[in-house]
């Protein structure tokens, strides 16, 4: 098991959008947590209403599902990765284009999961798909950036420094391996592997377009 905990890649812009997305995700999660604690009978209804369900394709839930999470481990992992890698991609694209890029990758992730399993009635929630697009963009644009990684092997752990292309390339290969391994399986929940795969690919493919297109100042 490996877990990146920081990088040595200096940012140019203050990451207002990245921090805003993190705060919004935390606020929504705390709302979910409050509902679960005070109105547990409404928790499932809330997730089914605002989570993305492939069998009931809805653009509103494609968006709302990006800001929901299934537990503390889920949101902590996603937001920590976004905190480490999002600031540099935001500096690369600028605040407004970065926000559009993030949402675009999240939409691509949802569409990827829909294509693979269009009849699923299980709600998909989490920022993982949009985050995957950010990771893909980071790997392409900053492949030699130094990333500090915590490596855990059973009860032993250590830290190493490796290039971003290795860390994020391995992350993508893990998603691809798990995704291909899940094909044809009768699952009732778990990880939406193809949302991760699709979001990553969308981030890699669309980065150059987002870098080149212009948003005129208002």
Protein backbone atom coordinates (compact mmCIF):
# COMPACT_ATOMS: atom_id res chain seq x y z
CA UNK A 1 0.00 0.00 0.00
CA UNK A 2 1.27 3.47 -0.81
CA UNK A 3 -0.07 6.91 0.04
CA UNK A 4 1.32 10.22 -1.31
CA UNK A 5 1.46 12.84 1.42
CA UNK A 6 3.09 15.84 -0.28
CA UNK A 7 4.95 16.99 -3.38
CA UNK A 8 7.87 19.35 -4.03
CA UNK A 9 6.15 21.12 -6.93
CA UNK A 10 5.76 24.85 -6.15
CA UNK A 11 2.49 26.48 -7.16
CA UNK A 12 2.14 29.83 -8.91
CA UNK A 13 -1.42 30.82 -8.03
CA UNK A 14 -3.14 30.56 -4.68
CA UNK A 15 -5.53 27.60 -5.15
CA UNK A 16 -8.83 29.34 -4.32
CA UNK A 17 -10.86 26.87 -6.38
CA UNK A 18 -9.15 23.75 -5.02
CA UNK A 19 -9.68 24.90 -1.44
CA UNK A 20 -13.25 25.92 -2.26
CA UNK A 21 -14.01 22.47 -3.66
CA UNK A 22 -12.49 20.84 -0.59
CA UNK A 23 -14.57 23.04 1.74
CA UNK A 24 -17.77 22.38 -0.22
CA UNK A 25 -17.16 18.62 -0.08
CA UNK A 26 -16.58 18.79 3.68
CA UNK A 27 -19.73 20.87 4.24
CA UNK A 28 -21.86 18.44 2.21
CA UNK A 29 -20.33 15.47 4.04
CA UNK A 30 -21.04 17.04 7.42
CA UNK A 31 -24.62 17.53 6.26
CA UNK A 32 -24.82 13.86 5.32
CA UNK A 33 -23.32 12.92 8.69
CA UNK A 34 -25.87 15.09 10.50
CA UNK A 35 -28.77 13.54 8.59
CA UNK A 36 -27.45 10.03 9.32
CA UNK A 37 -27.19 10.82 13.02
CA UNK A 38 -30.50 12.63 13.46
CA UNK A 39 -32.71 11.21 10.73
CA UNK A 40 -31.23 7.81 9.81
CA UNK A 41 -34.36 6.88 7.89
CA UNK A 42 -33.65 9.76 5.47
CA UNK A 43 -30.00 8.92 4.81
CA UNK A 44 -30.73 6.36 2.09
CA UNK A 45 -33.33 8.65 0.53
CA UNK A 46 -30.80 11.50 0.40
CA UNK A 47 -28.15 9.35 -1.29
CA UNK A 48 -30.62 7.95 -3.83
CA UNK A 49 -31.94 11.43 -4.59
CA UNK A 50 -28.59 13.16 -5.13
CA UNK A 51 -26.27 10.27 -6.03
CA UNK A 52 -25.78 9.37 -9.69
CA UNK A 53 -27.75 6.26 -10.67
CA UNK A 54 -26.88 4.97 -14.18
CA UNK A 55 -30.30 3.36 -14.59
CA UNK A 56 -31.91 6.77 -13.99
CA UNK A 57 -29.54 9.12 -15.84
CA UNK A 58 -29.92 12.68 -14.56
CA UNK A 59 -27.53 15.56 -15.24
CA UNK A 60 -28.32 17.16 -11.90
CA UNK A 61 -27.17 14.07 -10.02
CA UNK A 62 -24.06 13.82 -12.20
CA UNK A 63 -23.09 17.16 -10.64
CA UNK A 64 -24.39 16.68 -7.10
CA UNK A 65 -22.82 13.22 -6.73
CA UNK A 66 -19.34 14.77 -7.14
CA UNK A 67 -19.69 16.46 -3.75
CA UNK A 68 -20.97 13.50 -1.71
CA UNK A 69 -19.02 10.76 0.06
CA UNK A 70 -19.71 7.44 1.69
CA UNK A 71 -17.60 7.74 4.84
CA UNK A 72 -14.67 9.42 6.58
CA UNK A 73 -12.04 7.33 4.81
CA UNK A 74 -13.64 8.11 1.45
CA UNK A 75 -13.64 11.88 1.86
CA UNK A 76 -10.28 12.12 3.64
CA UNK A 77 -8.52 10.16 0.88
CA UNK A 78 -10.12 12.15 -1.93
CA UNK A 79 -9.62 15.57 -0.38
CA UNK A 80 -6.02 14.83 0.59
CA UNK A 81 -5.14 13.84 -2.98
CA UNK A 82 -6.90 16.97 -4.26
CA UNK A 83 -5.00 19.10 -1.73
CA UNK A 84 -1.65 17.69 -2.90
CA UNK A 85 -2.15 17.69 -6.66
CA UNK A 86 -4.95 20.17 -7.35
CA UNK A 87 -3.03 23.39 -6.65
CA UNK A 88 -0.51 22.84 -9.44
CA UNK A 89 -3.17 21.99 -12.02
CA UNK A 90 -5.09 25.09 -10.93
CA UNK A 91 -1.92 27.18 -11.39
CA UNK A 92 -1.51 25.65 -14.83
CA UNK A 93 -5.05 26.35 -16.06
CA UNK A 94 -6.09 29.37 -14.02
CA UNK A 95 -8.98 29.46 -11.59
CA UNK A 96 -11.98 29.48 -13.93
CA UNK A 97 -10.67 26.98 -16.46
CA UNK A 98 -9.57 24.69 -13.65
CA UNK A 99 -13.09 24.67 -12.19
CA UNK A 100 -14.57 23.86 -15.61
CA UNK A 101 -11.92 21.18 -16.10
CA UNK A 102 -12.75 19.60 -12.73
CA UNK A 103 -16.48 19.46 -13.48
CA UNK A 104 -15.82 18.19 -17.03
CA UNK A 105 -13.69 15.34 -15.70
CA UNK A 106 -16.37 14.48 -13.16
CA UNK A 107 -18.97 14.34 -15.91
CA UNK A 108 -16.68 12.17 -18.03
CA UNK A 109 -16.20 9.85 -15.07
CA UNK A 110 -19.95 9.44 -14.55
CA UNK A 111 -20.48 8.83 -18.27
CA UNK A 112 -17.75 6.17 -18.26
CA UNK A 113 -19.43 4.30 -15.43
CA UNK A 114 -22.77 4.63 -17.22
CA UNK A 115 -21.35 3.18 -20.45
CA UNK A 116 -19.92 0.16 -18.62
CA UNK A 117 -22.97 -0.52 -16.44
CA UNK A 118 -26.01 1.45 -17.71
CA UNK A 119 -28.58 -0.69 -15.90
CA UNK A 120 -27.07 -0.28 -12.43
CA UNK A 121 -29.49 1.03 -9.81
CA UNK A 122 -26.73 1.66 -7.25
CA UNK A 123 -26.02 5.35 -6.51
CA UNK A 124 -22.50 6.51 -7.33
CA UNK A 125 -21.13 9.22 -5.04
CA UNK A 126 -17.73 10.80 -4.49
CA UNK A 127 -15.21 13.22 -5.96
CA UNK A 128 -12.99 10.36 -7.16
CA UNK A 129 -13.87 10.67 -10.84
CA UNK A 130 -13.24 14.42 -11.03
CA UNK A 131 -10.13 13.97 -8.87
CA UNK A 132 -8.87 11.28 -11.26
CA UNK A 133 -8.96 13.85 -14.06
CA UNK A 134 -6.79 16.18 -11.96
CA UNK A 135 -4.35 13.34 -11.32
CA UNK A 136 -4.18 12.56 -15.04
CA UNK A 137 -3.47 16.20 -15.87
CA UNK A 138 -0.79 16.39 -13.17
CA UNK A 139 0.95 13.25 -14.44
CA UNK A 140 1.03 14.56 -18.02
CA UNK A 141 2.14 18.10 -17.18
CA UNK A 142 4.45 17.44 -14.20
CA UNK A 143 5.79 13.91 -14.78
CA UNK A 144 9.13 14.56 -13.04
CA UNK A 145 7.70 16.32 -9.98
CA UNK A 146 8.98 14.79 -6.73
CA UNK A 147 6.24 13.15 -4.68
CA UNK A 148 6.76 11.99 -1.09
CA UNK A 149 5.04 8.66 -0.52
CA UNK A 150 4.27 6.65 2.60
CA UNK A 151 4.74 2.93 1.88
CA UNK A 152 3.10 0.40 4.23
CA UNK A 153 4.04 -3.28 4.10
CA UNK A 154 2.12 -5.22 6.72
CA UNK A 155 3.37 -3.76 10.05
CA UNK A 156 6.36 -2.01 8.49
CA UNK A 157 6.30 1.40 6.87
CA UNK A 158 8.74 3.80 5.29
CA UNK A 159 8.78 6.92 3.15
CA UNK A 160 10.24 7.33 -0.31
CA UNK A 161 10.45 10.08 -2.92
CA UNK A 162 9.48 9.16 -6.48
CA UNK A 163 8.45 10.93 -9.66
CA UNK A 164 4.82 11.80 -10.17
CA UNK A 165 4.59 9.75 -13.36
CA UNK A 166 5.42 6.63 -11.35
CA UNK A 167 3.05 7.28 -8.43
CA UNK A 168 0.11 8.37 -10.56
CA UNK A 169 0.85 5.84 -13.29
CA UNK A 170 0.72 3.05 -10.70
CA UNK A 171 -2.49 4.51 -9.28
CA UNK A 172 -4.09 4.40 -12.73
CA UNK A 173 -2.90 0.85 -13.39
CA UNK A 174 -4.45 -0.23 -10.08
CA UNK A 175 -7.78 1.29 -11.10
CA UNK A 176 -7.55 -0.35 -14.53
CA UNK A 177 -6.67 -3.75 -13.08
CA UNK A 178 -9.49 -3.64 -10.54
CA UNK A 179 -11.93 -2.31 -13.13
CA UNK A 180 -11.18 -5.04 -15.66
CA UNK A 181 -11.31 -7.61 -12.89
CA UNK A 182 -14.79 -6.46 -11.88
CA UNK A 183 -16.30 -6.88 -15.36
CA UNK A 184 -19.06 -9.44 -15.39
CA UNK A 185 -19.25 -9.62 -11.60
CA UNK A 186 -22.61 -9.34 -9.88
CA UNK A 187 -21.90 -6.56 -7.39
CA UNK A 188 -24.24 -4.68 -5.08
CA UNK A 189 -21.92 -1.78 -4.35
CA UNK A 190 -18.30 -0.87 -3.81
CA UNK A 191 -15.87 1.17 -5.90
CA UNK A 192 -16.89 2.65 -9.27
CA UNK A 193 -13.59 1.69 -10.91
CA UNK A 194 -14.57 2.83 -14.38
CA UNK A 195 -15.45 6.28 -13.09
CA UNK A 196 -11.83 6.53 -11.91
CA UNK A 197 -10.52 5.18 -15.21
CA UNK A 198 -12.74 7.41 -17.31
CA UNK A 199 -12.02 10.53 -15.27
CA UNK A 200 -8.27 9.96 -15.52
CA UNK A 201 -8.40 9.46 -19.29
CA UNK A 202 -10.63 12.51 -19.76
CA UNK A 203 -8.14 14.57 -17.75
CA UNK A 204 -5.20 13.39 -19.85
CA UNK A 205 -6.95 13.85 -23.20
CA UNK A 206 -8.65 17.19 -22.51
CA UNK A 207 -5.83 18.99 -20.69
CA UNK A 208 -4.31 20.50 -23.82
CA UNK A 209 -7.71 21.75 -24.98
CA UNK A 210 -8.38 23.46 -21.66
CA UNK A 211 -4.91 25.00 -21.71
CA UNK A 212 -5.50 26.45 -25.18
CA UNK A 213 -9.06 27.73 -25.05
CA UNK A 214 -9.59 31.28 -23.85
CA UNK A 215 -12.04 32.68 -21.32
CA UNK A 216 -12.38 36.40 -21.90
CA UNK A 217 -12.32 38.60 -18.85
CA UNK A 218 -15.71 39.86 -17.72
